[in-house]
């Protein structure tokens, strides 16, 4: 079931998505379109974070369909404009 735009659930989910994709190569794809390139070799800890991010990215796109396909820079601006500069704490 989709999450309502402007809701606290949207703030939490989008904030977690932004945090999860920081410093990951897969974090540069549009929301819902991230994937793991098998040609990229990652250290085990980064590989696990990347796998988790891709899975979460696809979940977020289903829950926030109004944001699907938008890129990180646009979603970070969307987040700041609506919820301020601080990401939620986990």
N, C-alpha and C. Protein backbone atom coordinates (compact mmCIF):
# COMPACT_ATOMS: atom_id res chain seq x y z
N UNK A 1 0.84 -1.18 0.00
CA UNK A 1 0.00 0.00 0.00
C UNK A 1 0.88 1.25 0.00
N UNK A 2 0.65 2.17 -0.92
CA UNK A 2 1.46 3.39 -1.01
C UNK A 2 1.35 4.27 0.24
N UNK A 3 2.42 4.98 0.50
CA UNK A 3 2.49 5.92 1.62
C UNK A 3 2.10 7.30 1.11
N UNK A 4 1.35 8.00 1.90
CA UNK A 4 0.84 9.33 1.56
C UNK A 4 1.97 10.36 1.46
N UNK A 5 2.02 11.17 0.38
CA UNK A 5 3.01 12.24 0.29
C UNK A 5 2.86 13.22 1.45
N UNK A 6 3.99 13.66 1.99
CA UNK A 6 3.99 14.63 3.07
C UNK A 6 3.78 14.03 4.44
N UNK A 7 3.63 12.72 4.54
CA UNK A 7 3.40 12.06 5.83
C UNK A 7 4.71 11.81 6.57
N UNK A 8 4.58 11.53 7.85
CA UNK A 8 5.76 11.20 8.65
C UNK A 8 6.38 9.90 8.15
N UNK A 9 5.56 8.97 7.68
CA UNK A 9 6.08 7.72 7.12
C UNK A 9 6.95 8.01 5.89
N UNK A 10 6.52 8.95 5.05
CA UNK A 10 7.32 9.32 3.89
C UNK A 10 8.65 9.91 4.34
N UNK A 11 8.60 10.79 5.32
CA UNK A 11 9.83 11.42 5.83
C UNK A 11 10.81 10.36 6.32
N UNK A 12 10.32 9.40 7.09
CA UNK A 12 11.20 8.37 7.64
C UNK A 12 11.76 7.46 6.56
N UNK A 13 10.91 7.03 5.64
CA UNK A 13 11.35 6.11 4.59
C UNK A 13 12.32 6.78 3.62
N UNK A 14 12.00 7.99 3.21
CA UNK A 14 12.87 8.70 2.28
C UNK A 14 14.19 9.07 2.95
N UNK A 15 14.15 9.48 4.21
CA UNK A 15 15.37 9.80 4.94
C UNK A 15 16.27 8.58 5.07
N UNK A 16 15.68 7.44 5.34
CA UNK A 16 16.46 6.19 5.44
C UNK A 16 17.06 5.84 4.08
N UNK A 17 16.28 6.04 3.00
CA UNK A 17 16.78 5.76 1.65
C UNK A 17 17.99 6.64 1.33
N UNK A 18 17.90 7.92 1.66
CA UNK A 18 19.00 8.85 1.41
C UNK A 18 20.24 8.41 2.17
N UNK A 19 20.08 8.10 3.44
CA UNK A 19 21.21 7.68 4.26
C UNK A 19 21.82 6.38 3.76
N UNK A 20 20.97 5.43 3.39
CA UNK A 20 21.45 4.11 2.98
C UNK A 20 22.28 4.18 1.69
N UNK A 21 21.97 5.11 0.81
CA UNK A 21 22.67 5.19 -0.47
C UNK A 21 23.92 6.05 -0.47
N UNK A 22 24.20 6.70 0.64
CA UNK A 22 25.37 7.56 0.70
C UNK A 22 26.63 6.72 0.54
N UNK A 23 27.54 7.18 -0.31
CA UNK A 23 28.84 6.55 -0.54
C UNK A 23 28.76 5.18 -1.23
N UNK A 24 27.62 4.86 -1.85
CA UNK A 24 27.51 3.61 -2.59
C UNK A 24 27.37 3.91 -4.08
N UNK A 25 28.01 3.13 -4.91
CA UNK A 25 27.91 3.31 -6.35
C UNK A 25 26.48 3.11 -6.80
N UNK A 26 25.78 2.14 -6.23
CA UNK A 26 24.39 1.88 -6.62
C UNK A 26 23.47 3.01 -6.22
N UNK A 27 23.93 3.88 -5.33
CA UNK A 27 23.12 4.99 -4.86
C UNK A 27 22.97 6.12 -5.85
N UNK A 28 23.53 5.98 -7.06
CA UNK A 28 23.43 7.06 -8.03
C UNK A 28 22.32 6.82 -9.06
N UNK A 29 21.60 5.71 -8.95
CA UNK A 29 20.49 5.44 -9.86
C UNK A 29 19.23 6.14 -9.37
N UNK A 30 18.27 6.28 -10.25
CA UNK A 30 16.99 6.87 -9.87
C UNK A 30 16.27 5.92 -8.91
N UNK A 31 15.37 6.47 -8.10
CA UNK A 31 14.63 5.67 -7.13
C UNK A 31 13.90 4.53 -7.83
N UNK A 32 14.17 3.32 -7.36
CA UNK A 32 13.54 2.12 -7.89
C UNK A 32 14.31 1.48 -9.03
N UNK A 33 15.40 2.08 -9.47
CA UNK A 33 16.13 1.57 -10.62
C UNK A 33 17.56 1.13 -10.30
N UNK A 34 17.92 1.05 -9.04
CA UNK A 34 19.28 0.65 -8.71
C UNK A 34 19.46 -0.85 -8.97
N UNK A 35 20.70 -1.21 -9.25
CA UNK A 35 21.03 -2.62 -9.51
C UNK A 35 22.50 -2.83 -9.17
N UNK A 36 22.88 -4.08 -9.05
CA UNK A 36 24.28 -4.42 -8.78
C UNK A 36 24.94 -4.83 -10.09
N UNK A 37 25.98 -4.12 -10.46
CA UNK A 37 26.75 -4.45 -11.65
C UNK A 37 27.72 -5.56 -11.27
N UNK A 38 27.60 -6.72 -11.89
CA UNK A 38 28.48 -7.84 -11.52
C UNK A 38 29.94 -7.60 -11.86
N UNK A 39 30.24 -6.61 -12.69
CA UNK A 39 31.63 -6.31 -13.06
C UNK A 39 32.34 -5.49 -11.99
N UNK A 40 31.57 -4.91 -11.06
CA UNK A 40 32.17 -4.09 -10.01
C UNK A 40 32.49 -4.97 -8.80
N UNK A 41 33.76 -4.99 -8.43
CA UNK A 41 34.19 -5.78 -7.28
C UNK A 41 34.15 -4.88 -6.05
N UNK A 42 33.45 -5.35 -5.02
CA UNK A 42 33.30 -4.58 -3.78
C UNK A 42 33.85 -5.38 -2.61
N UNK A 43 34.41 -4.70 -1.63
CA UNK A 43 34.79 -5.41 -0.40
C UNK A 43 33.53 -6.02 0.22
N UNK A 44 33.66 -7.09 0.98
CA UNK A 44 32.48 -7.78 1.54
C UNK A 44 31.51 -6.87 2.29
N UNK A 45 32.00 -5.95 3.10
CA UNK A 45 31.11 -5.07 3.86
C UNK A 45 30.33 -4.13 2.95
N UNK A 46 30.98 -3.60 1.92
CA UNK A 46 30.31 -2.71 0.97
C UNK A 46 29.36 -3.51 0.08
N UNK A 47 29.73 -4.73 -0.26
CA UNK A 47 28.85 -5.58 -1.08
C UNK A 47 27.54 -5.83 -0.35
N UNK A 48 27.60 -6.12 0.94
CA UNK A 48 26.39 -6.38 1.73
C UNK A 48 25.54 -5.11 1.81
N UNK A 49 26.17 -3.96 2.08
CA UNK A 49 25.44 -2.69 2.14
C UNK A 49 24.78 -2.39 0.79
N UNK A 50 25.49 -2.68 -0.29
CA UNK A 50 24.95 -2.44 -1.63
C UNK A 50 23.75 -3.33 -1.92
N UNK A 51 23.85 -4.61 -1.56
CA UNK A 51 22.73 -5.53 -1.75
C UNK A 51 21.52 -5.09 -0.96
N UNK A 52 21.75 -4.71 0.29
CA UNK A 52 20.65 -4.23 1.14
C UNK A 52 20.02 -2.96 0.57
N UNK A 53 20.87 -2.07 0.05
CA UNK A 53 20.36 -0.82 -0.52
C UNK A 53 19.48 -1.09 -1.74
N UNK A 54 19.93 -1.94 -2.63
CA UNK A 54 19.16 -2.23 -3.85
C UNK A 54 17.80 -2.80 -3.48
N UNK A 55 17.78 -3.70 -2.54
CA UNK A 55 16.51 -4.29 -2.08
C UNK A 55 15.61 -3.19 -1.50
N UNK A 56 16.17 -2.35 -0.63
CA UNK A 56 15.39 -1.27 -0.02
C UNK A 56 14.94 -0.25 -1.06
N UNK A 57 15.79 0.06 -2.02
CA UNK A 57 15.45 1.00 -3.08
C UNK A 57 14.19 0.55 -3.82
N UNK A 58 14.11 -0.72 -4.12
CA UNK A 58 12.94 -1.25 -4.83
C UNK A 58 11.69 -1.23 -3.94
N UNK A 59 11.86 -1.49 -2.65
CA UNK A 59 10.74 -1.42 -1.71
C UNK A 59 10.22 0.02 -1.60
N UNK A 60 11.13 0.98 -1.51
CA UNK A 60 10.75 2.39 -1.38
C UNK A 60 9.99 2.85 -2.62
N UNK A 61 10.42 2.41 -3.79
CA UNK A 61 9.74 2.80 -5.03
C UNK A 61 8.29 2.31 -5.05
N UNK A 62 8.05 1.15 -4.45
CA UNK A 62 6.68 0.61 -4.39
C UNK A 62 5.85 1.41 -3.39
N UNK A 63 6.45 1.75 -2.25
CA UNK A 63 5.73 2.47 -1.19
C UNK A 63 5.57 3.96 -1.49
N UNK A 64 6.49 4.52 -2.27
CA UNK A 64 6.45 5.95 -2.61
C UNK A 64 6.41 6.11 -4.13
N UNK A 65 5.36 5.63 -4.78
CA UNK A 65 5.32 5.67 -6.25
C UNK A 65 5.35 7.08 -6.83
N UNK A 66 4.95 8.06 -6.05
CA UNK A 66 4.99 9.45 -6.53
C UNK A 66 6.42 9.98 -6.66
N UNK A 67 7.39 9.25 -6.10
CA UNK A 67 8.79 9.67 -6.18
C UNK A 67 9.63 8.76 -7.09
N UNK A 68 9.06 7.66 -7.53
CA UNK A 68 9.79 6.68 -8.34
C UNK A 68 10.35 7.34 -9.60
N UNK A 69 11.61 7.00 -9.91
CA UNK A 69 12.26 7.51 -11.12
C UNK A 69 12.99 8.82 -10.93
N UNK A 70 12.84 9.44 -9.77
CA UNK A 70 13.55 10.70 -9.51
C UNK A 70 14.94 10.38 -8.97
N UNK A 71 15.90 11.24 -9.29
CA UNK A 71 17.28 11.00 -8.89
C UNK A 71 17.57 11.56 -7.50
N UNK A 72 18.67 11.06 -6.94
CA UNK A 72 19.07 11.39 -5.58
C UNK A 72 19.11 12.89 -5.32
N UNK A 73 19.75 13.65 -6.19
CA UNK A 73 19.86 15.10 -5.96
C UNK A 73 18.48 15.74 -5.86
N UNK A 74 17.54 15.27 -6.68
CA UNK A 74 16.18 15.81 -6.67
C UNK A 74 15.44 15.38 -5.39
N UNK A 75 15.65 14.16 -4.98
CA UNK A 75 14.98 13.67 -3.77
C UNK A 75 15.57 14.27 -2.50
N UNK A 76 16.87 14.54 -2.51
CA UNK A 76 17.47 15.23 -1.37
C UNK A 76 16.90 16.64 -1.24
N UNK A 77 16.71 17.32 -2.38
CA UNK A 77 16.10 18.65 -2.36
C UNK A 77 14.64 18.56 -1.91
N UNK A 78 13.91 17.60 -2.43
CA UNK A 78 12.52 17.36 -2.03
C UNK A 78 12.44 17.18 -0.51
N UNK A 79 13.34 16.36 0.02
CA UNK A 79 13.36 16.09 1.46
C UNK A 79 13.64 17.39 2.24
N UNK A 80 14.69 18.12 1.86
CA UNK A 80 15.05 19.36 2.56
C UNK A 80 13.93 20.38 2.51
N UNK A 81 13.30 20.53 1.35
CA UNK A 81 12.23 21.52 1.19
C UNK A 81 11.03 21.21 2.08
N UNK A 82 10.75 19.93 2.31
CA UNK A 82 9.57 19.54 3.09
C UNK A 82 9.85 19.28 4.56
N UNK A 83 11.02 18.72 4.82
CA UNK A 83 11.28 18.24 6.19
C UNK A 83 12.48 18.87 6.87
N UNK A 84 13.20 19.74 6.16
CA UNK A 84 14.36 20.39 6.76
C UNK A 84 15.65 19.67 6.42
N UNK A 85 16.76 20.18 6.95
CA UNK A 85 18.07 19.66 6.57
C UNK A 85 18.51 18.39 7.30
N UNK A 86 17.78 17.97 8.30
CA UNK A 86 18.25 16.85 9.11
C UNK A 86 17.54 15.55 8.74
N UNK A 87 18.35 14.52 8.48
CA UNK A 87 17.80 13.20 8.20
C UNK A 87 17.38 12.56 9.51
N UNK A 88 16.35 11.70 9.48
CA UNK A 88 15.92 11.05 10.72
C UNK A 88 16.98 10.09 11.25
N UNK A 89 17.01 9.94 12.55
CA UNK A 89 17.93 8.98 13.17
C UNK A 89 17.31 7.60 13.06
N UNK A 90 18.14 6.59 12.89
CA UNK A 90 17.62 5.23 12.76
C UNK A 90 17.01 4.72 14.03
